[in-house]
Amino acid sequence: MVAYKKLHSMLTSIGANVLAIEPQKHDRAVAIISHLPHMLAAVLMNLASSETNHTENVLMLAAGGFKDTTRIAAGSPRMWIDICLDNRDAILYSIDKMGDMLSALRNEIDSADRDAIADMLERAQKGRLNLPAALGKEIGHLYEIYIPVSDKPGVISDITLAVGQLGVNIEDIEILHATEHSGTLRLMIPEKDNADKVAKALIERGYEVDLRTTGG
């Protein structure tokens, strides 16, 4: 306990957020949010690569969404072999749970159950949009600002600089690719007044803006 307190004090002194968690719970948590995503990215990449042998130019059609989803598949195989074996039980648990969910989704698609598919997608959307809040950070009500942008140097810095000049914090930022040459920048802004100020400033700079509430 003394060693833990010393380590905790050192880490918090440099601004780290320290979470104390039991080893088994830690292993299961990182299996779900880190290890399983890497395995899924690798499987998806291998699936697309194998289909290229049967369907010409499959990977030529891959755009931002596929590249974002499979980015982590480029990690070191040697390191991930060790991770898989060291955290084997928790990863197997996560794979089984994911398999159950995929099986349920397959049945819903096979039976054309629109309501069930919509429910699954909407729950996932809500969870993803509220991810910063799920991290335990007190940031108030979040608002999303979507800005269509072209793929050229300086666009993102221009937008973030405009927000910074207002003294508003960006809680989360994400690029949603539409094509290789354009996409949508998504900003997460806390509180309605801040979101309104940001939207107004960006419109004045010539950007199209779509302001939404996350419902968080």
Foldseek 3Di string as FASTA:
>chain_A
DVVVVVVVVVQVVVPDDDDDDDPVVVLLVCLQVPLLLLVVLLVVVVVQVVCCVVPPCSVVPDFDVNCVSNVSVPDDPVVSVVSCVVSVVSNVVNVVVVVVVVVVVVVCVVVVVVVVVVVVVVVVLLCVVCVLVVVVDPQAWKKKKKWKDWPDPPPVVVLVVLLVVVVWDFSDWDWADDGNTITIIMTIGHDDVSQVVSCVSVVVVPIDIDMGTSVD
